[in-house]
Amino acid sequence: VLLSEFAWMSYVSMVAIFLFVIFFEVGPGPIPWFIVAELFSQGPR
């Protein structure tokens, strides 16, 4: 939103993209696979 007013906001966007990917890889990327495997017994797993 502020990119047209402040050129340095492109760096904010780039850092935010990298952080988004890092946080995904730490939490919502792999964790659901752990949780799904642990929530169900051997039969329906």
ModelCIF file with pLDDT and N, C-alpha, C, O atoms, coordinates in Angstrom:
data_MODEL
#
_entry.id   MODEL 
#
_entity.id                         1 
_entity.type                       polymer 
_entity.pdbx_number_of_molecules   1 
#
_entity_poly.entity_id                      1 
_entity_poly.type                           'polypeptide(L)' 
_entity_poly.nstd_linkage                   no 
_entity_poly.nstd_monomer                   no 
_entity_poly.pdbx_seq_one_letter_code       VLLSEFAWMSYVSMVAIFLFVIFFEVGPGPIPWFIVAELFSQGPR 
_entity_poly.pdbx_seq_one_letter_code_can   VLLSEFAWMSYVSMVAIFLFVIFFEVGPGPIPWFIVAELFSQGPR 
_entity_poly.pdbx_strand_id                 A 
#
loop_
_entity_poly_seq.entity_id 
_entity_poly_seq.num 
_entity_poly_seq.mon_id 
_entity_poly_seq.hetero 
1 1  VAL n 
1 2  LEU n 
1 3  LEU n 
1 4  SER n 
1 5  GLU n 
1 6  PHE n 
1 7  ALA n 
1 8  TRP n 
1 9  MET n 
1 10 SER n 
1 11 TYR n 
1 12 VAL n 
1 13 SER n 
1 14 MET n 
1 15 VAL n 
1 16 ALA n 
1 17 ILE n 
1 18 PHE n 
1 19 LEU n 
1 20 PHE n 
1 21 VAL n 
1 22 ILE n 
1 23 PHE n 
1 24 PHE n 
1 25 GLU n 
1 26 VAL n 
1 27 GLY n 
1 28 PRO n 
1 29 GLY n 
1 30 PRO n 
1 31 ILE n 
1 32 PRO n 
1 33 TRP n 
1 34 PHE n 
1 35 ILE n 
1 36 VAL n 
1 37 ALA n 
1 38 GLU n 
1 39 LEU n 
1 40 PHE n 
1 41 SER n 
1 42 GLN n 
1 43 GLY n 
1 44 PRO n 
1 45 ARG n 
#
_struct_asym.id          A 
_struct_asym.entity_id   1 
#
loop_
_ma_qa_metric.id 
_ma_qa_metric.mode 
_ma_qa_metric.name 
_ma_qa_metric.software_group_id 
_ma_qa_metric.type 
1 global pLDDT . pLDDT 
2 local  pLDDT . pLDDT 
#
_ma_qa_metric_global.metric_id      1 
_ma_qa_metric_global.metric_value   91.27 
_ma_qa_metric_global.model_id       1 
_ma_qa_metric_global.ordinal_id     1 
#
loop_
_ma_qa_metric_local.label_asym_id 
_ma_qa_metric_local.label_comp_id 
_ma_qa_metric_local.label_seq_id 
_ma_qa_metric_local.metric_id 
_ma_qa_metric_local.metric_value 
_ma_qa_metric_local.model_id 
_ma_qa_metric_local.ordinal_id 
A VAL 1  2 96.00 1 1  
A LEU 2  2 95.00 1 2  
A LEU 3  2 94.00 1 3  
A SER 4  2 93.00 1 4  
A GLU 5  2 95.00 1 5  
A PHE 6  2 95.00 1 6  
A ALA 7  2 93.00 1 7  
A TRP 8  2 94.00 1 8  
A MET 9  2 95.00 1 9  
A SER 10 2 94.00 1 10 
A TYR 11 2 96.00 1 11 
A VAL 12 2 95.00 1 12 
A SER 13 2 95.00 1 13 
A MET 14 2 96.00 1 14 
A VAL 15 2 97.00 1 15 
A ALA 16 2 97.00 1 16 
A ILE 17 2 96.00 1 17 
A PHE 18 2 97.00 1 18 
A LEU 19 2 97.00 1 19 
A PHE 20 2 97.00 1 20 
A VAL 21 2 96.00 1 21 
A ILE 22 2 95.00 1 22 
A PHE 23 2 96.00 1 23 
A PHE 24 2 94.00 1 24 
A GLU 25 2 91.00 1 25 
A VAL 26 2 90.00 1 26 
A GLY 27 2 89.00 1 27 
A PRO 28 2 92.00 1 28 
A GLY 29 2 89.00 1 29 
A PRO 30 2 87.00 1 30 
A ILE 31 2 86.00 1 31 
A PRO 32 2 86.00 1 32 
A TRP 33 2 85.00 1 33 
A PHE 34 2 81.00 1 34 
A ILE 35 2 83.00 1 35 
A VAL 36 2 87.00 1 36 
A ALA 37 2 84.00 1 37 
A GLU 38 2 83.00 1 38 
A LEU 39 2 84.00 1 39 
A PHE 40 2 84.00 1 40 
A SER 41 2 83.00 1 41 
A GLN 42 2 86.00 1 42 
A GLY 43 2 89.00 1 43 
A PRO 44 2 90.00 1 44 
A ARG 45 2 90.00 1 45 
#
loop_
_atom_site.group_PDB 
_atom_site.id 
_atom_site.type_symbol 
_atom_site.label_atom_id 
_atom_site.label_alt_id 
_atom_site.label_comp_id 
_atom_site.label_asym_id 
_atom_site.label_entity_id 
_atom_site.label_seq_id 
_atom_site.pdbx_PDB_ins_code 
_atom_site.Cartn_x 
_atom_site.Cartn_y 
_atom_site.Cartn_z 
_atom_site.occupancy 
_atom_site.B_iso_or_equiv 
_atom_site.pdbx_formal_charge 
_atom_site.auth_seq_id 
_atom_site.auth_comp_id 
_atom_site.auth_asym_id 
_atom_site.auth_atom_id 
_atom_site.pdbx_PDB_model_num 
ATOM 1   N N  . VAL A 1 1  ? 0.835  -1.213  0.000  1.00 96.00 ? 1  VAL A N  1 
ATOM 2   C CA . VAL A 1 1  ? 0.000  0.000   0.000  1.00 96.00 ? 1  VAL A CA 1 
ATOM 3   C C  . VAL A 1 1  ? 0.865  1.256   0.000  1.00 96.00 ? 1  VAL A C  1 
ATOM 4   O O  . VAL A 1 1  ? 0.548  2.226   -0.688 1.00 96.00 ? 1  VAL A O  1 
ATOM 5   N N  . LEU A 1 2  ? 1.945  1.246   0.760  1.00 95.00 ? 2  LEU A N  1 
ATOM 6   C CA . LEU A 1 2  ? 2.788  2.443   0.893  1.00 95.00 ? 2  LEU A CA 1 
ATOM 7   C C  . LEU A 1 2  ? 3.967  2.485   -0.077 1.00 95.00 ? 2  LEU A C  1 
ATOM 8   O O  . LEU A 1 2  ? 4.808  3.380   -0.004 1.00 95.00 ? 2  LEU A O  1 
ATOM 9   N N  . LEU A 1 3  ? 4.021  1.520   -0.979 1.00 94.00 ? 3  LEU A N  1 
ATOM 10  C CA . LEU A 1 3  ? 5.141  1.438   -1.916 1.00 94.00 ? 3  LEU A CA 1 
ATOM 11  C C  . LEU A 1 3  ? 5.255  2.681   -2.798 1.00 94.00 ? 3  LEU A C  1 
ATOM 12  O O  . LEU A 1 3  ? 6.364  3.127   -3.094 1.00 94.00 ? 3  LEU A O  1 
ATOM 13  N N  . SER A 1 4  ? 4.141  3.235   -3.212 1.00 93.00 ? 4  SER A N  1 
ATOM 14  C CA . SER A 1 4  ? 4.185  4.423   -4.089 1.00 93.00 ? 4  SER A CA 1 
ATOM 15  C C  . SER A 1 4  ? 4.661  5.666   -3.341 1.00 93.00 ? 4  SER A C  1 
ATOM 16  O O  . SER A 1 4  ? 5.149  6.608   -3.965 1.00 93.00 ? 4  SER A O  1 
ATOM 17  N N  . GLU A 1 5  ? 4.529  5.684   -2.018 1.00 95.00 ? 5  GLU A N  1 
ATOM 18  C CA . GLU A 1 5  ? 4.959  6.845   -1.234 1.00 95.00 ? 5  GLU A CA 1 
ATOM 19  C C  . GLU A 1 5  ? 6.392  6.736   -0.740 1.00 95.00 ? 5  GLU A C  1 
ATOM 20  O O  . GLU A 1 5  ? 7.109  7.734   -0.660 1.00 95.00 ? 5  GLU A O  1 
ATOM 21  N N  . PHE A 1 6  ? 6.807  5.514   -0.409 1.00 95.00 ? 6  PHE A N  1 
ATOM 22  C CA . PHE A 1 6  ? 8.145  5.284   0.137  1.00 95.00 ? 6  PHE A CA 1 
ATOM 23  C C  . PHE A 1 6  ? 8.801  4.138   -0.631 1.00 95.00 ? 6  PHE A C  1 
ATOM 24  O O  . PHE A 1 6  ? 8.332  3.001   -0.585 1.00 95.00 ? 6  PHE A O  1 
ATOM 25  N N  . ALA A 1 7  ? 9.864  4.439   -1.318 1.00 93.00 ? 7  ALA A N  1 
ATOM 26  C CA . ALA A 1 7  ? 10.540 3.415   -2.127 1.00 93.00 ? 7  ALA A CA 1 
ATOM 27  C C  . ALA A 1 7  ? 11.103 2.287   -1.267 1.00 93.00 ? 7  ALA A C  1 
ATOM 28  O O  . ALA A 1 7  ? 11.190 1.147   -1.724 1.00 93.00 ? 7  ALA A O  1 
ATOM 29  N N  . TRP A 1 8  ? 11.488 2.594   -0.022 1.00 94.00 ? 8  TRP A N  1 
ATOM 30  C CA . TRP A 1 8  ? 12.082 1.570   0.842  1.00 94.00 ? 8  TRP A CA 1 
ATOM 31  C C  . TRP A 1 8  ? 11.060 0.533   1.322  1.00 94.00 ? 8  TRP A C  1 
ATOM 32  O O  . TRP A 1 8  ? 11.436 -0.470  1.928  1.00 94.00 ? 8  TRP A O  1 
ATOM 33  N N  . MET A 1 9  ? 9.794  0.767   1.058  1.00 95.00 ? 9  MET A N  1 
ATOM 34  C CA . MET A 1 9  ? 8.767  -0.213  1.439  1.00 95.00 ? 9  MET A CA 1 
ATOM 35  C C  . MET A 1 9  ? 8.912  -1.513  0.646  1.00 95.00 ? 9  MET A C  1 
ATOM 36  O O  . MET A 1 9  ? 8.386  -2.551  1.049  1.00 95.00 ? 9  MET A O  1 
ATOM 37  N N  . SER A 1 10 ? 9.622  -1.455  -0.475 1.00 94.00 ? 10 SER A N  1 
ATOM 38  C CA . SER A 1 10 ? 9.868  -2.698  -1.220 1.00 94.00 ? 10 SER A CA 1 
ATOM 39  C C  . SER A 1 10 ? 10.698 -3.661  -0.374 1.00 94.00 ? 10 SER A C  1 
ATOM 40  O O  . SER A 1 10 ? 10.522 -4.877  -0.457 1.00 94.00 ? 10 SER A O  1 
ATOM 41  N N  . TYR A 1 11 ? 11.607 -3.112  0.443  1.00 96.00 ? 11 TYR A N  1 
ATOM 42  C CA . TYR A 1 11 ? 12.397 -3.956  1.334  1.00 96.00 ? 11 TYR A CA 1 
ATOM 43  C C  . TYR A 1 11 ? 11.534 -4.551  2.443  1.00 96.00 ? 11 TYR A C  1 
ATOM 44  O O  . TYR A 1 11 ? 11.738 -5.698  2.844  1.00 96.00 ? 11 TYR A O  1 
ATOM 45  N N  . VAL A 1 12 ? 10.585 -3.784  2.932  1.00 95.00 ? 12 VAL A N  1 
ATOM 46  C CA . VAL A 1 12 ? 9.658  -4.288  3.944  1.00 95.00 ? 12 VAL A CA 1 
ATOM 47  C C  . VAL A 1 12 ? 8.865  -5.460  3.364  1.00 95.00 ? 12 VAL A C  1 
ATOM 48  O O  . VAL A 1 12 ? 8.679  -6.483  4.023  1.00 95.00 ? 12 VAL A O  1 
ATOM 49  N N  . SER A 1 13 ? 8.405  -5.300  2.137  1.00 95.00 ? 13 SER A N  1 
ATOM 50  C CA . SER A 1 13 ? 7.652  -6.369  1.485  1.00 95.00 ? 13 SER A CA 1 
ATOM 51  C C  . SER A 1 13 ? 8.510  -7.614  1.287  1.00 95.00 ? 13 SER A C  1 
ATOM 52  O O  . SER A 1 13 ? 8.047  -8.732  1.512  1.00 95.00 ? 13 SER A O  1 
ATOM 53  N N  . MET A 1 14 ? 9.762  -7.421  0.866  1.00 96.00 ? 14 MET A N  1 
ATOM 54  C CA . MET A 1 14 ? 10.641 -8.572  0.651  1.00 96.00 ? 14 MET A CA 1 
ATOM 55  C C  . MET A 1 14 ? 10.921 -9.308  1.955  1.00 96.00 ? 14 MET A C  1 
ATOM 56  O O  . MET A 1 14 ? 10.868 -10.537 1.997  1.00 96.00 ? 14 MET A O  1 
ATOM 57  N N  . VAL A 1 15 ? 11.216 -8.573  3.011  1.00 97.00 ? 15 VAL A N  1 
ATOM 58  C CA . VAL A 1 15 ? 11.468 -9.197  4.313  1.00 97.00 ? 15 VAL A CA 1 
ATOM 59  C C  . VAL A 1 15 ? 10.218 -9.924  4.793  1.00 97.00 ? 15 VAL A C  1 
ATOM 60  O O  . VAL A 1 15 ? 10.305 -11.023 5.342  1.00 97.00 ? 15 VAL A O  1 
ATOM 61  N N  . ALA A 1 16 ? 9.058  -9.311  4.588  1.00 97.00 ? 16 ALA A N  1 
ATOM 62  C CA . ALA A 1 16 ? 7.801  -9.939  5.004  1.00 97.00 ? 16 ALA A CA 1 
ATOM 63  C C  . ALA A 1 16 ? 7.557  -11.245 4.244  1.00 97.00 ? 16 ALA A C  1 
ATOM 64  O O  . ALA A 1 16 ? 7.065  -12.216 4.819  1.00 97.00 ? 16 ALA A O  1 
ATOM 65  N N  . ILE A 1 17 ? 7.897  -11.269 2.974  1.00 96.00 ? 17 ILE A N  1 
ATOM 66  C CA . ILE A 1 17 ? 7.741  -12.503 2.185  1.00 96.00 ? 17 ILE A CA 1 
ATOM 67  C C  . ILE A 1 17 ? 8.658  -13.599 2.721  1.00 96.00 ? 17 ILE A C  1 
ATOM 68  O O  . ILE A 1 17 ? 8.238  -14.745 2.883  1.00 96.00 ? 17 ILE A O  1 
ATOM 69  N N  . PHE A 1 18 ? 9.915  -13.241 2.995  1.00 97.00 ? 18 PHE A N  1 
ATOM 70  C CA . PHE A 1 18 ? 10.853 -14.235 3.538  1.00 97.00 ? 18 PHE A CA 1 
ATOM 71  C C  . PHE A 1 18 ? 10.376 -14.746 4.897  1.00 97.00 ? 18 PHE A C  1 
ATOM 72  O O  . PHE A 1 18 ? 10.425 -15.946 5.168  1.00 97.00 ? 18 PHE A O  1 
ATOM 73  N N  . LEU A 1 19 ? 9.915  -13.829 5.749  1.00 97.00 ? 19 LEU A N  1 
ATOM 74  C CA . LEU A 1 19 ? 9.416  -14.238 7.064  1.00 97.00 ? 19 LEU A CA 1 
ATOM 75  C C  . LEU A 1 19 ? 8.175  -15.113 6.946  1.00 97.00 ? 19 LEU A C  1 
ATOM 76  O O  . LEU A 1 19 ? 8.011  -16.071 7.702  1.00 97.00 ? 19 LEU A O  1 
ATOM 77  N N  . PHE A 1 20 ? 7.303  -14.783 5.999  1.00 97.00 ? 20 PHE A N  1 
ATOM 78  C CA . PHE A 1 20 ? 6.102  -15.586 5.775  1.00 97.00 ? 20 PHE A CA 1 
ATOM 79  C C  . PHE A 1 20 ? 6.490  -17.032 5.458  1.00 97.00 ? 20 PHE A C  1 
ATOM 80  O O  . PHE A 1 20 ? 5.922  -17.972 6.014  1.00 97.00 ? 20 PHE A O  1 
ATOM 81  N N  . VAL A 1 21 ? 7.448  -17.197 4.573  1.00 96.00 ? 21 VAL A N  1 
ATOM 82  C CA . VAL A 1 21 ? 7.903  -18.546 4.185  1.00 96.00 ? 21 VAL A CA 1 
ATOM 83  C C  . VAL A 1 21 ? 8.574  -19.246 5.362  1.00 96.00 ? 21 VAL A C  1 
ATOM 84  O O  . VAL A 1 21 ? 8.344  -20.435 5.582  1.00 96.00 ? 21 VAL A O  1 
ATOM 85  N N  . ILE A 1 22 ? 9.389  -18.535 6.112  1.00 95.00 ? 22 ILE A N  1 
ATOM 86  C CA . ILE A 1 22 ? 10.067 -19.125 7.271  1.00 95.00 ? 22 ILE A CA 1 
ATOM 87  C C  . ILE A 1 22 ? 9.043  -19.593 8.309  1.00 95.00 ? 22 ILE A C  1 
ATOM 88  O O  . ILE A 1 22 ? 9.134  -20.713 8.813  1.00 95.00 ? 22 ILE A O  1 
ATOM 89  N N  . PHE A 1 23 ? 8.074  -18.739 8.624  1.00 96.00 ? 23 PHE A N  1 
ATOM 90  C CA . PHE A 1 23 ? 7.054  -19.124 9.603  1.00 96.00 ? 23 PHE A CA 1 
ATOM 91  C C  . PHE A 1 23 ? 6.205  -20.287 9.094  1.00 96.00 ? 23 PHE A C  1 
ATOM 92  O O  . PHE A 1 23 ? 5.793  -21.139 9.881  1.00 96.00 ? 23 PHE A O  1 
ATOM 93  N N  . PHE A 1 24 ? 5.942  -20.332 7.798  1.00 94.00 ? 24 PHE A N  1 
ATOM 94  C CA . PHE A 1 24 ? 5.212  -21.468 7.239  1.00 94.00 ? 24 PHE A CA 1 
ATOM 95  C C  . PHE A 1 24 ? 6.011  -22.752 7.427  1.00 94.00 ? 24 PHE A C  1 
ATOM 96  O O  . PHE A 1 24 ? 5.464  -23.778 7.833  1.00 94.00 ? 24 PHE A O  1 
ATOM 97  N N  . GLU A 1 25 ? 7.303  -22.691 7.132  1.00 91.00 ? 25 GLU A N  1 
ATOM 98  C CA . GLU A 1 25 ? 8.151  -23.886 7.225  1.00 91.00 ? 25 GLU A CA 1 
ATOM 99  C C  . GLU A 1 25 ? 8.369  -24.338 8.663  1.00 91.00 ? 25 GLU A C  1 
ATOM 100 O O  . GLU A 1 25 ? 8.680  -25.506 8.896  1.00 91.00 ? 25 GLU A O  1 
ATOM 101 N N  . VAL A 1 26 ? 8.214  -23.443 9.625  1.00 90.00 ? 26 VAL A N  1 
ATOM 102 C CA . VAL A 1 26 ? 8.377  -23.796 11.033 1.00 90.00 ? 26 VAL A CA 1 
ATOM 103 C C  . VAL A 1 26 ? 7.083  -24.369 11.612 1.00 90.00 ? 26 VAL A C  1 
ATOM 104 O O  . VAL A 1 26 ? 7.128  -25.265 12.454 1.00 90.00 ? 26 VAL A O  1 
ATOM 105 N N  . GLY A 1 27 ? 5.940  -23.865 11.173 1.00 89.00 ? 27 GLY A N  1 
ATOM 106 C CA . GLY A 1 27 ? 4.683  -24.279 11.788 1.00 89.00 ? 27 GLY A CA 1 
ATOM 107 C C  . GLY A 1 27 ? 3.697  -24.940 10.859 1.00 89.00 ? 27 GLY A C  1 
ATOM 108 O O  . GLY A 1 27 ? 3.651  -26.168 10.791 1.00 89.00 ? 27 GLY A O  1 
ATOM 109 N N  . PRO A 1 28 ? 2.905  -24.163 10.140 1.00 92.00 ? 28 PRO A N  1 
ATOM 110 C CA . PRO A 1 28 ? 1.811  -24.737 9.343  1.00 92.00 ? 28 PRO A CA 1 
ATOM 111 C C  . PRO A 1 28 ? 2.233  -25.635 8.186  1.00 92.00 ? 28 PRO A C  1 
ATOM 112 O O  . PRO A 1 28 ? 1.390  -26.342 7.634  1.00 92.00 ? 28 PRO A O  1 
ATOM 113 N N  . GLY A 1 29 ? 3.480  -25.632 7.806  1.00 89.00 ? 29 GLY A N  1 
ATOM 114 C CA . GLY A 1 29 ? 3.932  -26.549 6.757  1.00 89.00 ? 29 GLY A CA 1 
ATOM 115 C C  . GLY A 1 29 ? 3.991  -27.988 7.244  1.00 89.00 ? 29 GLY A C  1 
ATOM 116 O O  . GLY A 1 29 ? 3.265  -28.840 6.733  1.00 89.00 ? 29 GLY A O  1 
ATOM 117 N N  . PRO A 1 30 ? 4.840  -28.274 8.221  1.00 87.00 ? 30 PRO A N  1 
ATOM 118 C CA . PRO A 1 30 ? 4.989  -29.669 8.654  1.00 87.00 ? 30 PRO A CA 1 
ATOM 119 C C  . PRO A 1 30 ? 4.076  -30.115 9.803  1.00 87.00 ? 30 PRO A C  1 
ATOM 120 O O  . PRO A 1 30 ? 3.727  -31.293 9.870  1.00 87.00 ? 30 PRO A O  1 
ATOM 121 N N  . ILE A 1 31 ? 3.687  -29.229 10.689 1.00 86.00 ? 31 ILE A N  1 
ATOM 122 C CA . ILE A 1 31 ? 2.981  -29.623 11.916 1.00 86.00 ? 31 ILE A CA 1 
ATOM 123 C C  . ILE A 1 31 ? 1.666  -30.352 11.643 1.00 86.00 ? 31 ILE A C  1 
ATOM 124 O O  . ILE A 1 31 ? 1.393  -31.345 12.318 1.00 86.00 ? 31 ILE A O  1 
ATOM 125 N N  . PRO A 1 32 ? 0.839  -29.918 10.696 1.00 86.00 ? 32 PRO A N  1 
ATOM 126 C CA . PRO A 1 32 ? -0.407 -30.660 10.472 1.00 86.00 ? 32 PRO A CA 1 
ATOM 127 C C  . PRO A 1 32 ? -0.177 -32.137 10.166 1.00 86.00 ? 32 PRO A C  1 
ATOM 128 O O  . PRO A 1 32 ? -1.015 -32.969 10.515 1.00 86.00 ? 32 PRO A O  1 
ATOM 129 N N  . TRP A 1 33 ? 0.930  -32.479 9.529  1.00 85.00 ? 33 TRP A N  1 
ATOM 130 C CA . TRP A 1 33 ? 1.204  -33.884 9.235  1.00 85.00 ? 33 TRP A CA 1 
ATOM 131 C C  . TRP A 1 33 ? 1.473  -34.659 10.523 1.00 85.00 ? 33 TRP A C  1 
ATOM 132 O O  . TRP A 1 33 ? 1.061  -35.812 10.649 1.00 85.00 ? 33 TRP A O  1 
ATOM 133 N N  . PHE A 1 34 ? 2.159  -34.037 11.474 1.00 81.00 ? 34 PHE A N  1 
ATOM 134 C CA . PHE A 1 34 ? 2.379  -34.666 12.777 1.00 81.00 ? 34 PHE A CA 1 
ATOM 135 C C  . PHE A 1 34 ? 1.040  -34.867 13.489 1.00 81.00 ? 34 PHE A C  1 
ATOM 136 O O  . PHE A 1 34 ? 0.738  -35.951 13.988 1.00 81.00 ? 34 PHE A O  1 
ATOM 137 N N  . ILE A 1 35 ? 0.248  -33.798 13.523 1.00 83.00 ? 35 ILE A N  1 
ATOM 138 C CA . ILE A 1 35 ? -0.992 -33.817 14.294 1.00 83.00 ? 35 ILE A CA 1 
ATOM 139 C C  . ILE A 1 35 ? -1.978 -34.825 13.711 1.00 83.00 ? 35 ILE A C  1 
ATOM 140 O O  . ILE A 1 35 ? -2.586 -35.590 14.459 1.00 83.00 ? 35 ILE A O  1 
ATOM 141 N N  . VAL A 1 36 ? -2.148 -34.840 12.396 1.00 87.00 ? 36 VAL A N  1 
ATOM 142 C CA . VAL A 1 36 ? -3.081 -35.792 11.776 1.00 87.00 ? 36 VAL A CA 1 
ATOM 143 C C  . VAL A 1 36 ? -2.663 -37.220 12.095 1.00 87.00 ? 36 VAL A C  1 
ATOM 144 O O  . VAL A 1 36 ? -3.509 -38.063 12.394 1.00 87.00 ? 36 VAL A O  1 
ATOM 145 N N  . ALA A 1 37 ? -1.377 -37.496 12.035 1.00 84.00 ? 37 ALA A N  1 
ATOM 146 C CA . ALA A 1 37 ? -0.901 -38.848 12.326 1.00 84.00 ? 37 ALA A CA 1 
ATOM 147 C C  . ALA A 1 37 ? -1.130 -39.220 13.788 1.00 84.00 ? 37 ALA A C  1 
ATOM 148 O O  . ALA A 1 37 ? -1.295 -40.399 14.103 1.00 84.00 ? 37 ALA A O  1 
ATOM 149 N N  . GLU A 1 38 ? -1.143 -38.245 14.675 1.00 83.00 ? 38 GLU A N  1 
ATOM 150 C CA . GLU A 1 38 ? -1.294 -38.537 16.099 1.00 83.00 ? 38 GLU A CA 1 
ATOM 151 C C  . GLU A 1 38 ? -2.745 -38.497 16.575 1.00 83.00 ? 38 GLU A C  1 
ATOM 152 O O  . GLU A 1 38 ? -3.056 -39.026 17.642 1.00 83.00 ? 38 GLU A O  1 
ATOM 153 N N  . LEU A 1 39 ? -3.631 -37.880 15.805 1.00 84.00 ? 39 LEU A N  1 
ATOM 154 C CA . LEU A 1 39 ? -5.029 -37.765 16.225 1.00 84.00 ? 39 LEU A CA 1 
ATOM 155 C C  . LEU A 1 39 ? -5.847 -39.013 15.939 1.00 84.00 ? 39 LEU A C  1 
ATOM 156 O O  . LEU A 1 39 ? -6.906 -39.207 16.536 1.00 84.00 ? 39 LEU A O  1 
ATOM 157 N N  . PHE A 1 40 ? -5.373 -39.858 15.037 1.00 84.00 ? 40 PHE A N  1 
ATOM 158 C CA . PHE A 1 40 ? -6.156 -41.016 14.623 1.00 84.00 ? 40 PHE A CA 1 
ATOM 159 C C  . PHE A 1 40 ? -5.452 -42.311 15.021 1.00 84.00 ? 40 PHE A C  1 
ATOM 160 O O  . PHE A 1 40 ? -4.225 -42.403 15.002 1.00 84.00 ? 40 PHE A O  1 
ATOM 161 N N  . SER A 1 41 ? -6.255 -43.298 15.378 1.00 83.00 ? 41 SER A N  1 
ATOM 162 C CA . SER A 1 41 ? -5.695 -44.607 15.716 1.00 83.00 ? 41 SER A CA 1 
ATOM 163 C C  . SER A 1 41 ? -5.223 -45.301 14.442 1.00 83.00 ? 41 SER A C  1 
ATOM 164 O O  . SER A 1 41 ? -5.428 -44.797 13.338 1.00 83.00 ? 41 SER A O  1 
ATOM 165 N N  . GLN A 1 42 ? -4.601 -46.442 14.602 1.00 86.00 ? 42 GLN A N  1 
ATOM 166 C CA . GLN A 1 42 ? -3.975 -47.132 13.481 1.00 86.00 ? 42 GLN A CA 1 
ATOM 167 C C  . GLN A 1 42 ? -4.944 -47.441 12.337 1.00 86.00 ? 42 GLN A C  1 
ATOM 168 O O  . GLN A 1 42 ? -4.564 -47.340 11.171 1.00 86.00 ? 42 GLN A O  1 
ATOM 169 N N  . GLY A 1 43 ? -6.176 -47.812 12.646 1.00 89.00 ? 43 GLY A N  1 
ATOM 170 C CA . GLY A 1 43 ? -7.133 -48.185 11.600 1.00 89.00 ? 43 GLY A CA 1 
ATOM 171 C C  . GLY A 1 43 ? -7.475 -47.059 10.646 1.00 89.00 ? 43 GLY A C  1 
ATOM 172 O O  . GLY A 1 43 ? -7.257 -47.199 9.442  1.00 89.00 ? 43 GLY A O  1 
ATOM 173 N N  . PRO A 1 44 ? -8.013 -45.925 11.146 1.00 90.00 ? 44 PRO A N  1 
ATOM 174 C CA . PRO A 1 44 ? -8.408 -44.843 10.236 1.00 90.00 ? 44 PRO A CA 1 
ATOM 175 C C  . PRO A 1 44 ? -7.279 -43.883 9.850  1.00 90.00 ? 44 PRO A C  1 
ATOM 176 O O  . PRO A 1 44 ? -7.502 -42.964 9.063  1.00 90.00 ? 44 PRO A O  1 
ATOM 177 N N  . ARG A 1 45 ? -6.077 -44.079 10.388 1.00 90.00 ? 45 ARG A N  1 
ATOM 178 C CA . ARG A 1 45 ? -4.974 -43.142 10.126 1.00 90.00 ? 45 ARG A CA 1 
ATOM 179 C C  . ARG A 1 45 ? -4.653 -42.990 8.639  1.00 90.00 ? 45 ARG A C  1 
ATOM 180 O O  . ARG A 1 45 ? -3.750 -42.235 8.277  1.00 90.00 ? 45 ARG A O  1 
#
